C-alpha atoms as a PDB file:
ATOM      1  CA  MET A   1      22.295 -14.610 -28.394  1.00  0.00           C
ATOM      2  CA  SER A   2      24.008 -11.262 -28.112  1.00  0.00           C
ATOM      3  CA  GLU A   3      22.932  -8.823 -25.424  1.00  0.00           C
ATOM      4  CA  LYS A   4      20.342  -6.321 -26.611  1.00  0.00           C
ATOM      5  CA  VAL A   5      21.653  -2.914 -27.649  1.00  0.00           C
ATOM      6  CA  ARG A   6      20.638  -0.254 -25.136  1.00  0.00           C
ATOM      7  CA  GLU A   7      20.386   3.480 -25.490  1.00  0.00           C
ATOM      8  CA  PHE A   8      22.358   3.902 -22.246  1.00  0.00           C
ATOM      9  CA  ASP A   9      25.074   1.784 -20.686  1.00  0.00           C
ATOM     10  CA  PHE A  10      23.664  -0.008 -17.635  1.00  0.00           C
ATOM     11  CA  THR A  11      26.260  -1.773 -15.525  1.00  0.00           C
ATOM     12  CA  ASN A  12      25.866  -4.183 -12.628  1.00  0.00           C
ATOM     13  CA  LYS A  13      27.181  -1.414 -10.382  1.00  0.00           C
ATOM     14  CA  ASP A  14      24.411   0.913 -11.608  1.00  0.00           C
ATOM     15  CA  PHE A  15      21.754  -1.716 -10.926  1.00  0.00           C
ATOM     16  CA  GLU A  16      23.089  -2.487  -7.450  1.00  0.00           C
ATOM     17  CA  ARG A  17      23.115   1.213  -6.512  1.00  0.00           C
ATOM     18  CA  ILE A  18      19.534   1.572  -7.698  1.00  0.00           C
ATOM     19  CA  ARG A  19      18.536  -1.544  -5.733  1.00  0.00           C
ATOM     20  CA  ASP A  20      20.134  -0.128  -2.579  1.00  0.00           C
ATOM     21  CA  LEU A  21      18.498   3.280  -2.976  1.00  0.00           C
ATOM     22  CA  ALA A  22      15.072   1.783  -3.736  1.00  0.00           C
ATOM     23  CA  HIS A  23      15.257  -0.357  -0.619  1.00  0.00           C
ATOM     24  CA  GLU A  24      16.598   2.444   1.541  1.00  0.00           C
ATOM     25  CA  ARG A  25      14.070   5.066   0.463  1.00  0.00           C
ATOM     26  CA  ALA A  26      10.908   3.071  -0.181  1.00  0.00           C
ATOM     27  CA  GLY A  27      11.514  -0.458   1.107  1.00  0.00           C
ATOM     28  CA  ILE A  28      11.255  -1.794  -2.440  1.00  0.00           C
ATOM     29  CA  PHE A  29      13.081  -5.079  -2.978  1.00  0.00           C
ATOM     30  CA  LEU A  30      14.265  -5.440  -6.580  1.00  0.00           C
ATOM     31  CA  SER A  31      15.343  -8.936  -7.549  1.00  0.00           C
ATOM     32  CA  PRO A  32      17.820  -9.458 -10.411  1.00  0.00           C
ATOM     33  CA  LYS A  33      14.812 -10.447 -12.540  1.00  0.00           C
ATOM     34  CA  LYS A  34      13.673  -6.816 -12.364  1.00  0.00           C
ATOM     35  CA  ARG A  35      16.803  -5.508 -14.092  1.00  0.00           C
ATOM     36  CA  ASP A  36      15.131  -4.852 -17.472  1.00  0.00           C
ATOM     37  CA  MET A  37      12.166  -3.172 -15.785  1.00  0.00           C
ATOM     38  CA  VAL A  38      14.514  -0.938 -13.797  1.00  0.00           C
ATOM     39  CA  TYR A  39      16.433   0.032 -16.922  1.00  0.00           C
ATOM     40  CA  SER A  40      13.254   0.890 -18.823  1.00  0.00           C
ATOM     41  CA  ARG A  41      11.758   3.050 -16.085  1.00  0.00           C
ATOM     42  CA  ILE A  42      14.891   4.889 -14.998  1.00  0.00           C
ATOM     43  CA  ALA A  43      15.974   5.473 -18.604  1.00  0.00           C
ATOM     44  CA  ARG A  44      12.868   7.674 -18.892  1.00  0.00           C
ATOM     45  CA  ARG A  45      14.272   9.858 -16.127  1.00  0.00           C
ATOM     46  CA  LEU A  46      17.610  10.154 -17.966  1.00  0.00           C
ATOM     47  CA  ARG A  47      15.799  11.348 -21.077  1.00  0.00           C
ATOM     48  CA  ALA A  48      13.623  13.768 -19.106  1.00  0.00           C
ATOM     49  CA  LEU A  49      16.690  15.283 -17.417  1.00  0.00           C
ATOM     50  CA  GLY A  50      18.886  15.271 -20.517  1.00  0.00           C
ATOM     51  CA  LEU A  51      21.486  13.007 -18.921  1.00  0.00           C
ATOM     52  CA  ARG A  52      23.777  10.628 -20.806  1.00  0.00           C
ATOM     53  CA  THR A  53      24.692   7.956 -18.255  1.00  0.00           C
ATOM     54  CA  PHE A  54      23.168   6.140 -15.298  1.00  0.00           C
ATOM     55  CA  GLU A  55      26.186   7.224 -13.280  1.00  0.00           C
ATOM     56  CA  ASP A  56      25.301  10.867 -13.921  1.00  0.00           C
ATOM     57  CA  TYR A  57      21.710  10.169 -12.942  1.00  0.00           C
ATOM     58  CA  LEU A  58      22.658   8.410  -9.714  1.00  0.00           C
ATOM     59  CA  HIS A  59      24.954  11.276  -8.781  1.00  0.00           C
ATOM     60  CA  GLN A  60      22.109  13.736  -9.322  1.00  0.00           C
ATOM     61  CA  LEU A  61      19.710  11.507  -7.406  1.00  0.00           C
ATOM     62  CA  GLU A  62      21.972  11.491  -4.378  1.00  0.00           C
ATOM     63  CA  GLU A  63      22.538  15.261  -4.565  1.00  0.00           C
ATOM     64  CA  ASN A  64      19.015  16.434  -5.456  1.00  0.00           C
ATOM     65  CA  GLU A  65      16.250  15.594  -2.990  1.00  0.00           C
ATOM     66  CA  ASP A  66      13.577  16.689  -5.469  1.00  0.00           C
ATOM     67  CA  GLU A  67      14.570  13.864  -7.822  1.00  0.00           C
ATOM     68  CA  ALA A  68      14.151  11.315  -5.023  1.00  0.00           C
ATOM     69  CA  GLN A  69      10.363  11.477  -5.351  1.00  0.00           C
ATOM     70  CA  ASP A  70      10.481  11.057  -9.135  1.00  0.00           C
ATOM     71  CA  PHE A  71      12.810   8.079  -8.632  1.00  0.00           C
ATOM     72  CA  ILE A  72      10.308   6.360  -6.333  1.00  0.00           C
ATOM     73  CA  ASN A  73       7.411   7.269  -8.625  1.00  0.00           C
ATOM     74  CA  ALA A  74       9.244   5.680 -11.563  1.00  0.00           C
ATOM     75  CA  LEU A  75       9.788   2.373  -9.768  1.00  0.00           C
ATOM     76  CA  THR A  76       6.390   1.880  -8.170  1.00  0.00           C
ATOM     77  CA  THR A  77       3.754  -0.178  -9.942  1.00  0.00           C
ATOM     78  CA  ASN A  78       0.199   1.102  -9.696  1.00  0.00           C
ATOM     79  CA  LEU A  79      -2.064  -1.721 -10.815  1.00  0.00           C
ATOM     80  CA  THR A  80      -5.501  -1.190  -9.340  1.00  0.00           C
ATOM     81  CA  ALA A  81      -9.219  -1.314 -10.109  1.00  0.00           C
ATOM     82  CA  PHE A  82     -12.565  -0.433  -8.578  1.00  0.00           C
ATOM     83  CA  PHE A  83     -13.786  -3.157  -6.196  1.00  0.00           C
ATOM     84  CA  ARG A  84     -10.738  -5.291  -6.890  1.00  0.00           C
ATOM     85  CA  GLU A  85     -11.010  -8.522  -4.828  1.00  0.00           C
ATOM     86  CA  ALA A  86     -14.723  -7.945  -4.277  1.00  0.00           C
ATOM     87  CA  HIS A  87     -14.983 -10.257  -1.256  1.00  0.00           C
ATOM     88  CA  HIS A  88     -13.033  -7.701   0.776  1.00  0.00           C
ATOM     89  CA  PHE A  89     -15.720  -5.072   0.305  1.00  0.00           C
ATOM     90  CA  ASP A  90     -18.524  -7.489   1.211  1.00  0.00           C
ATOM     91  CA  LEU A  91     -16.730  -8.289   4.465  1.00  0.00           C
ATOM     92  CA  LEU A  92     -15.982  -4.620   5.125  1.00  0.00           C
ATOM     93  CA  ALA A  93     -19.683  -3.728   4.831  1.00  0.00           C
ATOM     94  CA  GLU A  94     -20.530  -6.338   7.476  1.00  0.00           C
ATOM     95  CA  GLN A  95     -17.666  -5.174   9.674  1.00  0.00           C
ATOM     96  CA  LEU A  96     -18.710  -1.520   9.549  1.00  0.00           C
ATOM     97  CA  LEU A  97     -22.327  -2.229  10.410  1.00  0.00           C
ATOM     98  CA  GLN A  98     -21.332  -4.419  13.364  1.00  0.00           C
ATOM     99  CA  ALA A  99     -18.872  -1.836  14.671  1.00  0.00           C
ATOM    100  CA  ALA A 100     -21.441   0.957  14.385  1.00  0.00           C
ATOM    101  CA  GLU A 101     -23.823  -0.934  16.710  1.00  0.00           C
ATOM    102  CA  THR A 102     -21.477  -0.565  19.680  1.00  0.00           C
ATOM    103  CA  ARG A 103     -19.413   2.507  18.822  1.00  0.00           C
ATOM    104  CA  ARG A 104     -19.971   6.220  18.757  1.00  0.00           C
ATOM    105  CA  GLY A 105     -18.082   8.531  16.499  1.00  0.00           C
ATOM    106  CA  PRO A 106     -16.752   7.868  13.019  1.00  0.00           C
ATOM    107  CA  LEU A 107     -15.371   4.514  11.946  1.00  0.00           C
ATOM    108  CA  LYS A 108     -11.919   4.890  10.408  1.00  0.00           C
ATOM    109  CA  ILE A 109     -10.375   3.112   7.413  1.00  0.00           C
ATOM    110  CA  TRP A 110      -6.872   3.506   6.019  1.00  0.00           C
ATOM    111  CA  SER A 111      -6.088   2.758   2.371  1.00  0.00           C
ATOM    112  CA  SER A 112      -2.322   2.678   2.816  1.00  0.00           C
ATOM    113  CA  ALA A 113      -1.314   2.316  -0.845  1.00  0.00           C
ATOM    114  CA  CYS A 114      -4.208   3.947  -2.626  1.00  0.00           C
ATOM    115  CA  SER A 115      -2.530   4.437  -6.012  1.00  0.00           C
ATOM    116  CA  THR A 116      -4.841   6.356  -8.383  1.00  0.00           C
ATOM    117  CA  GLY A 117      -7.720   6.206  -5.917  1.00  0.00           C
ATOM    118  CA  GLU A 118      -9.894   3.324  -7.077  1.00  0.00           C
ATOM    119  CA  GLU A 119      -9.501   1.440  -3.795  1.00  0.00           C
ATOM    120  CA  ALA A 120     -10.283   4.459  -1.607  1.00  0.00           C
ATOM    121  CA  TYR A 121     -13.352   5.375  -3.644  1.00  0.00           C
ATOM    122  CA  SER A 122     -14.510   1.745  -3.515  1.00  0.00           C
ATOM    123  CA  LEU A 123     -14.257   1.909   0.279  1.00  0.00           C
ATOM    124  CA  ALA A 124     -16.342   5.073   0.351  1.00  0.00           C
ATOM    125  CA  MET A 125     -18.979   3.588  -1.965  1.00  0.00           C
ATOM    126  CA  THR A 126     -19.126   0.481   0.216  1.00  0.00           C
ATOM    127  CA  ALA A 127     -19.759   2.613   3.304  1.00  0.00           C
ATOM    128  CA  ILE A 128     -22.472   4.651   1.556  1.00  0.00           C
ATOM    129  CA  GLU A 129     -24.230   1.483   0.389  1.00  0.00           C
ATOM    130  CA  ALA A 130     -23.889  -0.278   3.765  1.00  0.00           C
ATOM    131  CA  PHE A 131     -25.460   2.577   5.730  1.00  0.00           C
ATOM    132  CA  GLY A 132     -27.868   3.667   2.999  1.00  0.00           C
ATOM    133  CA  SER A 133     -26.662   7.232   3.392  1.00  0.00           C
ATOM    134  CA  TRP A 134     -24.428   9.713   1.568  1.00  0.00           C
ATOM    135  CA  THR A 135     -23.036  10.661   4.985  1.00  0.00           C
ATOM    136  CA  PRO A 136     -22.170   7.372   6.710  1.00  0.00           C
ATOM    137  CA  PRO A 137     -20.232   7.515  10.005  1.00  0.00           C
ATOM    138  CA  VAL A 138     -17.022   6.607   8.198  1.00  0.00           C
ATOM    139  CA  ARG A 139     -13.808   8.499   7.498  1.00  0.00           C
ATOM    140  CA  ILE A 140     -11.182   7.226   5.079  1.00  0.00           C
ATOM    141  CA  LEU A 141      -7.493   8.095   4.974  1.00  0.00           C
ATOM    142  CA  ALA A 142      -5.873   7.304   1.618  1.00  0.00           C
ATOM    143  CA  THR A 143      -2.093   7.497   1.247  1.00  0.00           C
ATOM    144  CA  ASP A 144       0.571   6.570  -1.270  1.00  0.00           C
ATOM    145  CA  VAL A 145       4.294   7.088  -1.732  1.00  0.00           C
ATOM    146  CA  ASP A 146       3.796   8.099  -5.389  1.00  0.00           C
ATOM    147  CA  THR A 147       2.826  11.765  -5.589  1.00  0.00           C
ATOM    148  CA  ASN A 148       1.839  11.529  -9.261  1.00  0.00           C
ATOM    149  CA  VAL A 149      -0.890   8.965  -8.674  1.00  0.00           C
ATOM    150  CA  LEU A 150      -2.135  10.917  -5.658  1.00  0.00           C
ATOM    151  CA  GLN A 151      -2.845  13.893  -7.905  1.00  0.00           C
ATOM    152  CA  GLN A 152      -5.029  11.700 -10.104  1.00  0.00           C
ATOM    153  CA  ALA A 153      -6.704  10.159  -7.067  1.00  0.00           C
ATOM    154  CA  ARG A 154      -7.664  13.575  -5.720  1.00  0.00           C
ATOM    155  CA  ARG A 155      -9.192  14.555  -9.068  1.00  0.00           C
ATOM    156  CA  GLY A 156     -11.323  11.417  -9.184  1.00  0.00           C
ATOM    157  CA  VAL A 157     -11.571  11.512 -12.969  1.00  0.00           C
ATOM    158  CA  TYR A 158     -11.202   8.275 -14.948  1.00  0.00           C
ATOM    159  CA  ALA A 159     -11.622   6.904 -18.441  1.00  0.00           C
ATOM    160  CA  SER A 160     -15.009   5.233 -18.854  1.00  0.00           C
ATOM    161  CA  ASP A 161     -13.426   1.829 -19.389  1.00  0.00           C
ATOM    162  CA  ARG A 162     -12.248   1.923 -15.750  1.00  0.00           C
ATOM    163  CA  VAL A 163     -15.863   1.459 -14.637  1.00  0.00           C
ATOM    164  CA  ALA A 164     -16.938  -0.852 -17.461  1.00  0.00           C
ATOM    165  CA  LYS A 165     -17.004  -3.901 -15.170  1.00  0.00           C
ATOM    166  CA  MET A 166     -18.891  -2.173 -12.374  1.00  0.00           C
ATOM    167  CA  GLN A 167     -22.620  -2.673 -11.855  1.00  0.00           C
ATOM    168  CA  GLU A 168     -24.454  -0.061 -13.898  1.00  0.00           C
ATOM    169  CA  ASP A 169     -26.502   1.138 -10.926  1.00  0.00           C
ATOM    170  CA  ARG A 170     -23.267   1.839  -9.050  1.00  0.00           C
ATOM    171  CA  VAL A 171     -21.883   3.818 -11.949  1.00  0.00           C
ATOM    172  CA  LYS A 172     -25.079   5.892 -12.145  1.00  0.00           C
ATOM    173  CA  SER A 173     -25.107   6.475  -8.393  1.00  0.00           C
ATOM    174  CA  PHE A 174     -21.491   7.367  -7.795  1.00  0.00           C
ATOM    175  CA  PHE A 175     -20.182   8.898 -11.028  1.00  0.00           C
ATOM    176  CA  VAL A 176     -21.020  11.718 -13.403  1.00  0.00           C
ATOM    177  CA  ARG A 177     -20.409  10.908 -17.066  1.00  0.00           C
ATOM    178  CA  GLY A 178     -18.506  13.501 -19.042  1.00  0.00           C
ATOM    179  CA  LYS A 179     -20.053  15.401 -21.918  1.00  0.00           C
ATOM    180  CA  GLY A 180     -18.612  17.337 -24.838  1.00  0.00           C
ATOM    181  CA  LYS A 181     -14.831  17.509 -24.593  1.00  0.00           C
ATOM    182  CA  HIS A 182     -15.049  15.254 -21.519  1.00  0.00           C
ATOM    183  CA  MET A 183     -16.885  12.511 -23.374  1.00  0.00           C
ATOM    184  CA  GLY A 184     -15.470   9.104 -22.518  1.00  0.00           C
ATOM    185  CA  MET A 185     -14.609  10.137 -18.955  1.00  0.00           C
ATOM    186  CA  VAL A 186     -16.344   9.739 -15.604  1.00  0.00           C
ATOM    187  CA  LYS A 187     -15.958  11.766 -12.416  1.00  0.00           C
ATOM    188  CA  VAL A 188     -16.540  10.577  -8.857  1.00  0.00           C
ATOM    189  CA  ARG A 189     -19.389  12.463  -7.195  1.00  0.00           C
ATOM    190  CA  SER A 190     -18.421  15.000  -4.549  1.00  0.00           C
ATOM    191  CA  GLN A 191     -20.368  13.145  -1.822  1.00  0.00           C
ATOM    192  CA  VAL A 192     -18.016  10.183  -2.275  1.00  0.00           C
ATOM    193  CA  LYS A 193     -14.912  12.386  -2.255  1.00  0.00           C
ATOM    194  CA  ASP A 194     -16.022  14.063   0.955  1.00  0.00           C
ATOM    195  CA  LEU A 195     -15.439  10.847   2.909  1.00  0.00           C
ATOM    196  CA  ILE A 196     -11.756  10.637   1.916  1.00  0.00           C
ATOM    197  CA  HIS A 197      -8.604  12.521   2.853  1.00  0.00           C
ATOM    198  CA  PHE A 198      -5.665  11.916   0.496  1.00  0.00           C
ATOM    199  CA  ASN A 199      -2.100  12.401   1.672  1.00  0.00           C
ATOM    200  CA  SER A 200       1.438  11.412   0.730  1.00  0.00           C
ATOM    201  CA  LEU A 201       3.066   8.814   2.960  1.00  0.00           C
ATOM    202  CA  ASN A 202       6.039   6.483   2.677  1.00  0.00           C
ATOM    203  CA  LEU A 203       5.452   3.309   4.699  1.00  0.00           C
ATOM    204  CA  LEU A 204       9.207   3.214   5.386  1.00  0.00           C
ATOM    205  CA  ALA A 205       9.325   6.745   6.792  1.00  0.00           C
ATOM    206  CA  PRO A 206      10.514   6.900  10.422  1.00  0.00           C
ATOM    207  CA  ASN A 207       7.322   8.652  11.488  1.00  0.00           C
ATOM    208  CA  TRP A 208       3.768   8.343  10.219  1.00  0.00           C
ATOM    209  CA  PRO A 209       1.783  11.594  10.692  1.00  0.00           C
ATOM    210  CA  ILE A 210      -1.447   9.681  11.330  1.00  0.00           C
ATOM    211  CA  LYS A 211      -3.503   8.649  14.319  1.00  0.00           C
ATOM    212  CA  GLY A 212      -5.469   5.487  14.916  1.00  0.00           C
ATOM    213  CA  PRO A 213      -7.197   3.477  15.870  1.00  0.00           C
ATOM    214  CA  PHE A 214      -8.482   2.190  12.538  1.00  0.00           C
ATOM    215  CA  ASP A 215     -11.278  -0.311  12.090  1.00  0.00           C
ATOM    216  CA  ALA A 216      -9.676  -1.499   8.863  1.00  0.00           C
ATOM    217  CA  ILE A 217      -6.335  -1.083   7.139  1.00  0.00           C
ATOM    218  CA  PHE A 218      -6.090  -1.969   3.464  1.00  0.00           C
ATOM    219  CA  CYS A 219      -2.533  -2.785   2.412  1.00  0.00           C
ATOM    220  CA  ARG A 220      -2.994  -4.901  -0.676  1.00  0.00           C
ATOM    221  CA  ASN A 221      -0.313  -6.032  -3.117  1.00  0.00           C
ATOM    222  CA  VAL A 222       2.298  -3.853  -1.419  1.00  0.00           C
ATOM    223  CA  MET A 223       4.157  -6.295   0.792  1.00  0.00           C
ATOM    224  CA  ILE A 224       5.230  -8.314  -2.255  1.00  0.00           C
ATOM    225  CA  TYR A 225       7.693  -5.512  -3.016  1.00  0.00           C
ATOM    226  CA  PHE A 226       9.283  -5.742   0.456  1.00  0.00           C
ATOM    227  CA  ASP A 227      11.660  -8.335   1.851  1.00  0.00           C
ATOM    228  CA  LYS A 228      10.571 -10.245   4.965  1.00  0.00           C
ATOM    229  CA  PRO A 229      12.320  -7.992   7.540  1.00  0.00           C
ATOM    230  CA  THR A 230      10.755  -4.910   5.956  1.00  0.00           C
ATOM    231  CA  GLN A 231       7.340  -6.583   5.882  1.00  0.00           C
ATOM    232  CA  TYR A 232       7.625  -7.397   9.576  1.00  0.00           C
ATOM    233  CA  LYS A 233       8.621  -3.820  10.371  1.00  0.00           C
ATOM    234  CA  VAL A 234       5.569  -2.412   8.587  1.00  0.00           C
ATOM    235  CA  LEU A 235       3.222  -4.999  10.097  1.00  0.00           C
ATOM    236  CA  SER A 236       4.523  -4.221  13.588  1.00  0.00           C
ATOM    237  CA  ARG A 237       3.548  -0.589  13.011  1.00  0.00           C
ATOM    238  CA  PHE A 238       0.104  -1.474  11.657  1.00  0.00           C
ATOM    239  CA  HIS A 239      -0.633  -3.673  14.678  1.00  0.00           C
ATOM    240  CA  PRO A 240      -1.138  -0.965  17.363  1.00  0.00           C
ATOM    241  CA  LEU A 241      -3.098   1.214  14.928  1.00  0.00           C
ATOM    242  CA  LEU A 242      -5.993  -1.256  14.704  1.00  0.00           C
ATOM    243  CA  THR A 243      -8.942  -1.444  17.076  1.00  0.00           C
ATOM    244  CA  PRO A 244      -9.310  -4.745  18.998  1.00  0.00           C
ATOM    245  CA  GLU A 245     -11.764  -5.922  16.333  1.00  0.00           C
ATOM    246  CA  GLY A 246      -9.905  -4.220  13.491  1.00  0.00           C
ATOM    247  CA  LEU A 247      -8.867  -6.075  10.343  1.00  0.00           C
ATOM    248  CA  LEU A 248      -5.924  -5.912   7.966  1.00  0.00           C
ATOM    249  CA  TYR A 249      -6.882  -6.555   4.334  1.00  0.00           C
ATOM    250  CA  ALA A 250      -3.997  -7.903   2.240  1.00  0.00           C
ATOM    251  CA  GLY A 251      -3.377  -8.839  -1.385  1.00  0.00           C
ATOM    252  CA  HIS A 252      -4.310 -12.188  -2.904  1.00  0.00           C
ATOM    253  CA  SER A 253      -0.696 -13.432  -3.000  1.00  0.00           C
ATOM    254  CA  GLU A 254       0.405 -12.167   0.408  1.00  0.00           C
ATOM    255  CA  SER A 255       0.936 -14.357   3.476  1.00  0.00           C
ATOM    256  CA  PHE A 256       2.236 -13.235   6.851  1.00  0.00           C
ATOM    257  CA  GLN A 257       3.265 -16.508   8.476  1.00  0.00           C
ATOM    258  CA  HIS A 258       6.566 -14.898   9.444  1.00  0.00           C
ATOM    259  CA  ALA A 259       4.562 -12.402  11.532  1.00  0.00           C
ATOM    260  CA  SER A 260       2.272 -14.879  13.292  1.00  0.00           C
ATOM    261  CA  ASP A 261       2.981 -13.113  16.580  1.00  0.00           C
ATOM    262  CA  LEU A 262       1.341  -9.995  15.120  1.00  0.00           C
ATOM    263  CA  PHE A 263      -1.468 -11.203  12.847  1.00  0.00           C
ATOM    264  CA  ARG A 264      -3.455 -14.363  12.297  1.00  0.00           C
ATOM    265  CA  LEU A 265      -5.587 -15.278   9.323  1.00  0.00           C
ATOM    266  CA  LYS A 266      -9.313 -14.590   9.742  1.00  0.00           C
ATOM    267  CA  GLY A 267     -10.515 -15.282   6.209  1.00  0.00           C
ATOM    268  CA  LYS A 268      -9.412 -15.082   2.611  1.00  0.00           C
ATOM    269  CA  THR A 269      -6.450 -12.637   2.701  1.00  0.00           C
ATOM    270  CA  VAL A 270      -7.894 -10.900   5.765  1.00  0.00           C
ATOM    271  CA  PHE A 271      -5.949 -10.814   9.039  1.00  0.00           C
ATOM    272  CA  MET A 272      -6.761  -9.871  12.599  1.00  0.00           C
ATOM    273  CA  PRO A 273      -4.229  -8.623  15.147  1.00  0.00           C
ATOM    274  CA  VAL A 274      -2.931 -11.027  17.788  1.00  0.00           C
ATOM    275  CA  ARG A 275      -3.539  -9.565  21.209  1.00  0.00           C
ATOM    276  CA  LYS A 276      -1.178 -10.667  23.957  1.00  0.00           C
ATOM    277  CA  GLY A 277      -2.177 -11.337  27.515  1.00  0.00           C
END
């Protein structure tokens, strides 16, 4: 079969440069199998900028720091849902209530790749339900490398089908249904938003402008985009940010056997830090 006809020439050299820049700037590991995906997503940037070749785009990318964020946004995948992997939220509710028995001050949770906000809002709803209060002793930090999805997360407005699988009593409690021109949309209630602080953060940045300790860190379905050395680097930075009883919640296909000196499995895709000494 002949190679498909493309709108833009896309050479091996172009792909390798994109792979290097994606890894360097966001820790994203792009296998050769991702070549078509890379072409499709970066071609959109060429069209948006009125460029004619990938070489021109890569030159602009390296010269224009503003484009660097759009480059990362284009390559990141933001598949998420409310209460995705529900067992995590059941465990978190138990964890928060136990921690509150012996601790003063707010309990802290970090949603480290919050995408369009469904995970962070699910964490807040879990805390409200666990404590039976709109003002539980919980504070949530929600970060993502993609600035576009963060804007949506802050708004907290979603199409109604995003909550179609949620329990109806949860929808009624935590969302306002749109009317008139907003029909077919739902908005997260302000009491839920008040528990969350959204901010931009690249997990590969040399410095994280955040302070622990956290009772829970959610980093789900992120590590699959990193190679093993990059995973270890990120995990080694998570480790000191967790309380002694803190937990790291990972994605369903993620295993950290190569970091057994840092984390050990506690339950289904939930890890606890290894404490030395």
